[in-house]
Amino acid sequence: MLIVAGINSVEERENRPTVLNSAVRSVVPADGDLDLRQGVVGFTLDPRYEGRLVLDGVPIPDDQLHFAAGVNSWTYRPGPGTETGPLRPGRHTARVYYWERGRAEDPAQFVEWRFSSH
């Protein structure tokens, strides 16, 4: 019984969601999720911040992001004619870089998460 509890504890730690912070309020898909290849990838920031998305090491241009000002959210829909094209099945890494509005971008401030697509 004690061994099983130890195994469950390790599994829970490995499946723990991305640690968000006061700037990054949410990410989509959530860390560890399985999503459709044409699903959106994005993030919501505290209103004091702005950011940019990098998906599988590819910076996503601003003109391919949909910005919802009322909720300070950015989303990207991979597919034909986009920077990444359709996502391949498998594991992907997304990263949001964020900085305070009116300040220079800080490459040290980011949140990274992983998800899979099918």
N, C-alpha and C. Protein backbone atom coordinates (compact mmCIF):
# COMPACT_ATOMS: atom_id res chain seq x y z
N MET A 1 0.81 -1.19 0.00
CA MET A 1 0.00 0.00 0.00
C MET A 1 0.86 1.26 0.00
N LEU A 2 1.92 1.27 0.76
CA LEU A 2 2.81 2.43 0.81
C LEU A 2 3.48 2.67 -0.53
N ILE A 3 3.85 1.59 -1.23
CA ILE A 3 4.48 1.73 -2.55
C ILE A 3 3.51 2.36 -3.53
N VAL A 4 2.28 1.94 -3.54
CA VAL A 4 1.28 2.49 -4.44
C VAL A 4 1.11 3.99 -4.19
N ALA A 5 1.06 4.39 -2.95
CA ALA A 5 0.93 5.81 -2.63
C ALA A 5 2.12 6.60 -3.16
N GLY A 6 3.32 6.02 -3.07
CA GLY A 6 4.51 6.68 -3.60
C GLY A 6 4.43 6.82 -5.11
N ILE A 7 3.94 5.81 -5.80
CA ILE A 7 3.80 5.87 -7.25
C ILE A 7 2.78 6.92 -7.63
N ASN A 8 1.65 6.95 -6.95
CA ASN A 8 0.64 7.96 -7.24
C ASN A 8 1.19 9.37 -7.04
N SER A 9 1.99 9.55 -6.02
CA SER A 9 2.56 10.86 -5.74
C SER A 9 3.46 11.31 -6.89
N VAL A 10 4.29 10.42 -7.41
CA VAL A 10 5.17 10.75 -8.54
C VAL A 10 4.34 11.09 -9.77
N GLU A 11 3.29 10.28 -10.05
CA GLU A 11 2.44 10.55 -11.21
C GLU A 11 1.76 11.91 -11.08
N GLU A 12 1.28 12.24 -9.89
CA GLU A 12 0.63 13.53 -9.69
C GLU A 12 1.61 14.67 -9.94
N ARG A 13 2.85 14.54 -9.49
CA ARG A 13 3.84 15.58 -9.72
C ARG A 13 4.13 15.74 -11.19
N GLU A 14 4.25 14.64 -11.94
CA GLU A 14 4.57 14.71 -13.36
C GLU A 14 3.42 15.28 -14.17
N ASN A 15 2.18 15.11 -13.71
CA ASN A 15 1.02 15.60 -14.44
C ASN A 15 0.50 16.92 -13.89
N ARG A 16 1.24 17.54 -13.03
CA ARG A 16 0.83 18.82 -12.46
C ARG A 16 0.78 19.88 -13.56
N PRO A 17 -0.24 20.73 -13.57
CA PRO A 17 -0.33 21.73 -14.62
C PRO A 17 0.79 22.77 -14.53
N THR A 18 0.98 23.47 -15.63
CA THR A 18 1.99 24.53 -15.68
C THR A 18 1.77 25.49 -14.53
N VAL A 19 2.84 25.92 -13.91
CA VAL A 19 2.74 26.91 -12.85
C VAL A 19 2.59 28.27 -13.51
N LEU A 20 1.42 28.85 -13.34
CA LEU A 20 1.17 30.17 -13.88
C LEU A 20 1.59 31.19 -12.83
N ASN A 21 1.53 32.45 -13.15
CA ASN A 21 1.94 33.46 -12.20
C ASN A 21 0.99 34.65 -12.28
N SER A 22 1.33 35.75 -11.64
CA SER A 22 0.42 36.89 -11.61
C SER A 22 0.26 37.54 -12.98
N ALA A 23 1.19 37.33 -13.89
CA ALA A 23 1.10 37.90 -15.23
C ALA A 23 0.35 36.98 -16.18
N VAL A 24 0.67 35.69 -16.17
CA VAL A 24 0.05 34.72 -17.08
C VAL A 24 -1.10 34.04 -16.33
N ARG A 25 -2.33 34.36 -16.74
CA ARG A 25 -3.50 33.85 -16.02
C ARG A 25 -3.95 32.47 -16.50
N SER A 26 -3.80 32.20 -17.80
CA SER A 26 -4.19 30.89 -18.31
C SER A 26 -3.53 30.63 -19.65
N VAL A 27 -3.46 29.34 -20.00
CA VAL A 27 -2.95 28.92 -21.30
C VAL A 27 -3.92 27.89 -21.88
N VAL A 28 -3.93 27.80 -23.21
CA VAL A 28 -4.78 26.83 -23.87
C VAL A 28 -4.03 26.25 -25.07
N PRO A 29 -4.06 24.95 -25.29
CA PRO A 29 -4.61 23.94 -24.41
C PRO A 29 -3.82 23.89 -23.10
N ALA A 30 -4.43 23.34 -22.08
CA ALA A 30 -3.76 23.24 -20.79
C ALA A 30 -2.56 22.31 -20.89
N ASP A 31 -1.62 22.48 -20.00
CA ASP A 31 -0.43 21.65 -19.96
C ASP A 31 -0.84 20.18 -19.89
N GLY A 32 -0.31 19.37 -20.80
CA GLY A 32 -0.57 17.94 -20.80
C GLY A 32 -1.81 17.51 -21.54
N ASP A 33 -2.62 18.46 -22.04
CA ASP A 33 -3.85 18.12 -22.76
C ASP A 33 -3.57 17.45 -24.10
N LEU A 34 -4.56 16.70 -24.56
CA LEU A 34 -4.59 16.15 -25.91
C LEU A 34 -5.64 16.96 -26.65
N ASP A 35 -5.25 17.59 -27.77
CA ASP A 35 -6.13 18.50 -28.47
C ASP A 35 -6.14 18.17 -29.96
N LEU A 36 -7.12 18.71 -30.66
CA LEU A 36 -7.16 18.55 -32.11
C LEU A 36 -6.04 19.36 -32.75
N ARG A 37 -5.54 18.89 -33.89
CA ARG A 37 -4.44 19.59 -34.56
C ARG A 37 -4.85 20.98 -35.01
N GLN A 38 -6.12 21.20 -35.28
CA GLN A 38 -6.57 22.52 -35.71
C GLN A 38 -7.11 23.36 -34.55
N GLY A 39 -6.96 22.87 -33.32
CA GLY A 39 -7.40 23.62 -32.15
C GLY A 39 -6.55 24.86 -31.93
N VAL A 40 -7.05 25.78 -31.12
CA VAL A 40 -6.31 27.02 -30.87
C VAL A 40 -5.26 26.82 -29.78
N VAL A 41 -4.23 27.63 -29.88
CA VAL A 41 -3.17 27.69 -28.87
C VAL A 41 -3.12 29.15 -28.44
N GLY A 42 -3.10 29.38 -27.14
CA GLY A 42 -3.09 30.77 -26.72
C GLY A 42 -2.87 30.97 -25.24
N PHE A 43 -3.04 32.23 -24.84
CA PHE A 43 -2.79 32.60 -23.45
C PHE A 43 -3.59 33.84 -23.09
N THR A 44 -3.82 34.01 -21.79
CA THR A 44 -4.48 35.20 -21.25
C THR A 44 -3.55 35.79 -20.20
N LEU A 45 -3.34 37.10 -20.31
CA LEU A 45 -2.45 37.80 -19.40
C LEU A 45 -3.21 38.78 -18.52
N ASP A 46 -2.62 39.11 -17.39
CA ASP A 46 -3.11 40.20 -16.58
C ASP A 46 -3.12 41.44 -17.48
N PRO A 47 -4.11 42.34 -17.33
CA PRO A 47 -4.21 43.51 -18.22
C PRO A 47 -2.99 44.43 -18.24
N ARG A 48 -2.13 44.33 -17.25
CA ARG A 48 -0.93 45.17 -17.23
C ARG A 48 0.16 44.67 -18.15
N TYR A 49 -0.05 43.49 -18.77
CA TYR A 49 1.00 42.85 -19.57
C TYR A 49 0.57 42.64 -21.01
N GLU A 50 1.56 42.50 -21.86
CA GLU A 50 1.36 42.05 -23.24
C GLU A 50 2.36 40.93 -23.50
N GLY A 51 2.17 40.19 -24.58
CA GLY A 51 3.05 39.05 -24.80
C GLY A 51 3.07 38.58 -26.23
N ARG A 52 3.84 37.52 -26.44
CA ARG A 52 3.91 36.90 -27.76
C ARG A 52 4.04 35.40 -27.57
N LEU A 53 3.69 34.68 -28.62
CA LEU A 53 3.64 33.23 -28.58
C LEU A 53 4.73 32.63 -29.45
N VAL A 54 5.37 31.60 -28.93
CA VAL A 54 6.32 30.79 -29.69
C VAL A 54 5.83 29.36 -29.60
N LEU A 55 5.64 28.71 -30.75
CA LEU A 55 5.10 27.36 -30.80
C LEU A 55 6.10 26.44 -31.47
N ASP A 56 6.57 25.45 -30.76
CA ASP A 56 7.58 24.52 -31.26
C ASP A 56 8.81 25.27 -31.79
N GLY A 57 9.19 26.32 -31.09
CA GLY A 57 10.37 27.11 -31.45
C GLY A 57 10.13 28.13 -32.55
N VAL A 58 8.91 28.25 -33.05
CA VAL A 58 8.58 29.17 -34.14
C VAL A 58 7.82 30.37 -33.57
N PRO A 59 8.40 31.59 -33.66
CA PRO A 59 7.67 32.77 -33.20
C PRO A 59 6.45 33.00 -34.10
N ILE A 60 5.30 33.22 -33.49
CA ILE A 60 4.07 33.44 -34.24
C ILE A 60 3.90 34.95 -34.46
N PRO A 61 3.81 35.38 -35.72
CA PRO A 61 3.67 36.83 -36.00
C PRO A 61 2.37 37.38 -35.43
N ASP A 62 2.42 38.65 -35.04
CA ASP A 62 1.23 39.31 -34.47
C ASP A 62 0.03 39.23 -35.39
N ASP A 63 0.24 39.31 -36.72
CA ASP A 63 -0.90 39.31 -37.63
C ASP A 63 -1.58 37.94 -37.76
N GLN A 64 -1.01 36.91 -37.11
CA GLN A 64 -1.64 35.59 -37.10
C GLN A 64 -2.25 35.27 -35.74
N LEU A 65 -2.16 36.21 -34.81
CA LEU A 65 -2.77 36.06 -33.49
C LEU A 65 -4.07 36.83 -33.43
N HIS A 66 -5.06 36.25 -32.80
CA HIS A 66 -6.32 36.95 -32.56
C HIS A 66 -6.25 37.51 -31.14
N PHE A 67 -6.41 38.82 -31.01
CA PHE A 67 -6.33 39.48 -29.72
C PHE A 67 -7.73 39.88 -29.26
N ALA A 68 -8.12 39.44 -28.08
CA ALA A 68 -9.39 39.83 -27.47
C ALA A 68 -9.08 40.83 -26.36
N ALA A 69 -9.23 42.10 -26.66
CA ALA A 69 -8.83 43.18 -25.74
C ALA A 69 -9.54 43.11 -24.40
N GLY A 70 -10.83 42.81 -24.39
CA GLY A 70 -11.60 42.81 -23.16
C GLY A 70 -11.09 41.84 -22.11
N VAL A 71 -10.46 40.76 -22.56
CA VAL A 71 -9.95 39.75 -21.62
C VAL A 71 -8.42 39.62 -21.69
N ASN A 72 -7.79 40.45 -22.53
CA ASN A 72 -6.33 40.44 -22.70
C ASN A 72 -5.83 39.04 -23.05
N SER A 73 -6.44 38.48 -24.08
CA SER A 73 -6.16 37.10 -24.50
C SER A 73 -5.69 37.07 -25.95
N TRP A 74 -4.72 36.20 -26.23
CA TRP A 74 -4.20 36.00 -27.58
C TRP A 74 -4.39 34.54 -27.96
N THR A 75 -4.89 34.28 -29.17
CA THR A 75 -5.02 32.90 -29.64
C THR A 75 -4.49 32.78 -31.06
N TYR A 76 -4.03 31.59 -31.38
CA TYR A 76 -3.47 31.27 -32.69
C TYR A 76 -4.10 29.96 -33.14
N ARG A 77 -4.54 29.91 -34.39
CA ARG A 77 -5.12 28.69 -34.95
C ARG A 77 -4.18 28.18 -36.04
N PRO A 78 -3.39 27.13 -35.73
CA PRO A 78 -2.50 26.56 -36.74
C PRO A 78 -3.30 26.00 -37.91
N GLY A 79 -2.73 26.08 -39.08
CA GLY A 79 -3.40 25.52 -40.25
C GLY A 79 -2.70 25.94 -41.52
N PRO A 80 -3.24 25.57 -42.65
CA PRO A 80 -2.63 25.95 -43.93
C PRO A 80 -2.46 27.47 -44.03
N GLY A 81 -1.32 27.91 -44.51
CA GLY A 81 -1.06 29.33 -44.68
C GLY A 81 -0.62 30.06 -43.43
N THR A 82 -0.44 29.34 -42.31
CA THR A 82 0.04 29.99 -41.08
C THR A 82 1.53 29.70 -40.90
N GLU A 83 2.10 30.35 -39.95
CA GLU A 83 3.55 30.24 -39.70
C GLU A 83 3.98 28.79 -39.46
N THR A 84 3.17 28.03 -38.74
CA THR A 84 3.53 26.64 -38.44
C THR A 84 2.90 25.65 -39.40
N GLY A 85 1.90 26.11 -40.16
CA GLY A 85 1.12 25.17 -40.94
C GLY A 85 0.30 24.32 -39.98
N PRO A 86 -0.36 23.27 -40.50
CA PRO A 86 -1.10 22.39 -39.60
C PRO A 86 -0.13 21.70 -38.63
N LEU A 87 -0.54 21.55 -37.39
CA LEU A 87 0.32 20.86 -36.43
C LEU A 87 0.34 19.38 -36.74
N ARG A 88 1.49 18.77 -36.62
CA ARG A 88 1.61 17.34 -36.81
C ARG A 88 1.09 16.63 -35.58
N PRO A 89 0.63 15.40 -35.71
CA PRO A 89 0.24 14.66 -34.51
C PRO A 89 1.45 14.49 -33.60
N GLY A 90 1.23 14.51 -32.32
CA GLY A 90 2.32 14.32 -31.35
C GLY A 90 2.41 15.46 -30.37
N ARG A 91 3.57 15.53 -29.74
CA ARG A 91 3.80 16.46 -28.64
C ARG A 91 4.28 17.82 -29.16
N HIS A 92 3.81 18.89 -28.53
CA HIS A 92 4.18 20.26 -28.91
C HIS A 92 4.54 21.06 -27.66
N THR A 93 5.38 22.07 -27.87
CA THR A 93 5.78 22.96 -26.80
C THR A 93 5.39 24.38 -27.16
N ALA A 94 4.69 25.04 -26.27
CA ALA A 94 4.31 26.44 -26.45
C ALA A 94 4.96 27.27 -25.36
N ARG A 95 5.26 28.50 -25.70
CA ARG A 95 5.89 29.41 -24.73
C ARG A 95 5.29 30.79 -24.94
N VAL A 96 4.91 31.44 -23.86
CA VAL A 96 4.46 32.83 -23.91
C VAL A 96 5.52 33.68 -23.23
N TYR A 97 6.03 34.65 -23.98
CA TYR A 97 6.90 35.67 -23.41
C TYR A 97 6.01 36.84 -23.04
N TYR A 98 6.23 37.46 -21.90
CA TYR A 98 5.37 38.56 -21.46
C TYR A 98 6.20 39.66 -20.84
N TRP A 99 5.66 40.88 -20.91
CA TRP A 99 6.32 42.04 -20.35
C TRP A 99 5.27 43.08 -20.03
N GLU A 100 5.62 44.00 -19.12
CA GLU A 100 4.69 45.06 -18.75
C GLU A 100 4.50 46.01 -19.92
N ARG A 101 3.25 46.43 -20.12
CA ARG A 101 2.95 47.38 -21.19
C ARG A 101 3.82 48.62 -21.03
N GLY A 102 4.34 49.11 -22.16
CA GLY A 102 5.18 50.30 -22.14
C GLY A 102 6.64 50.02 -21.83
N ARG A 103 6.98 48.79 -21.56
CA ARG A 103 8.37 48.42 -21.28
C ARG A 103 8.90 47.53 -22.39
N ALA A 104 10.20 47.34 -22.40
CA ALA A 104 10.82 46.47 -23.41
C ALA A 104 10.55 45.01 -23.09
N GLU A 105 10.48 44.21 -24.14
CA GLU A 105 10.30 42.77 -23.96
C GLU A 105 11.48 42.19 -23.18
N ASP A 106 11.19 41.31 -22.24
CA ASP A 106 12.22 40.68 -21.41
C ASP A 106 12.25 39.20 -21.74
N PRO A 107 13.29 38.71 -22.45
CA PRO A 107 13.33 37.31 -22.85
C PRO A 107 13.43 36.33 -21.67
N ALA A 108 13.69 36.84 -20.48
CA ALA A 108 13.78 35.96 -19.31
C ALA A 108 12.41 35.69 -18.69
N GLN A 109 11.38 36.44 -19.10
CA GLN A 109 10.05 36.26 -18.54
C GLN A 109 9.18 35.46 -19.50
N PHE A 110 8.96 34.20 -19.16
CA PHE A 110 8.11 33.36 -20.00
C PHE A 110 7.52 32.23 -19.19
N VAL A 111 6.45 31.66 -19.73
CA VAL A 111 5.83 30.45 -19.20
C VAL A 111 5.78 29.47 -20.36
N GLU A 112 6.18 28.24 -20.12
CA GLU A 112 6.21 27.21 -21.14
C GLU A 112 5.30 26.06 -20.73
N TRP A 113 4.63 25.47 -21.72
CA TRP A 113 3.79 24.31 -21.45
C TRP A 113 3.81 23.38 -22.65
N ARG A 114 3.38 22.14 -22.41
CA ARG A 114 3.39 21.11 -23.46
C ARG A 114 2.00 20.50 -23.59
N PHE A 115 1.67 20.14 -24.81
CA PHE A 115 0.39 19.48 -25.09
C PHE A 115 0.61 18.55 -26.28
N SER A 116 -0.32 17.68 -26.51
CA SER A 116 -0.26 16.76 -27.65
C SER A 116 -1.44 17.02 -28.56
N SER A 117 -1.26 16.71 -29.84
CA SER A 117 -2.34 16.83 -30.79
C SER A 117 -2.47 15.51 -31.55
N HIS A 118 -3.66 15.27 -32.07
CA HIS A 118 -3.89 14.05 -32.84
C HIS A 118 -4.58 14.37 -34.14
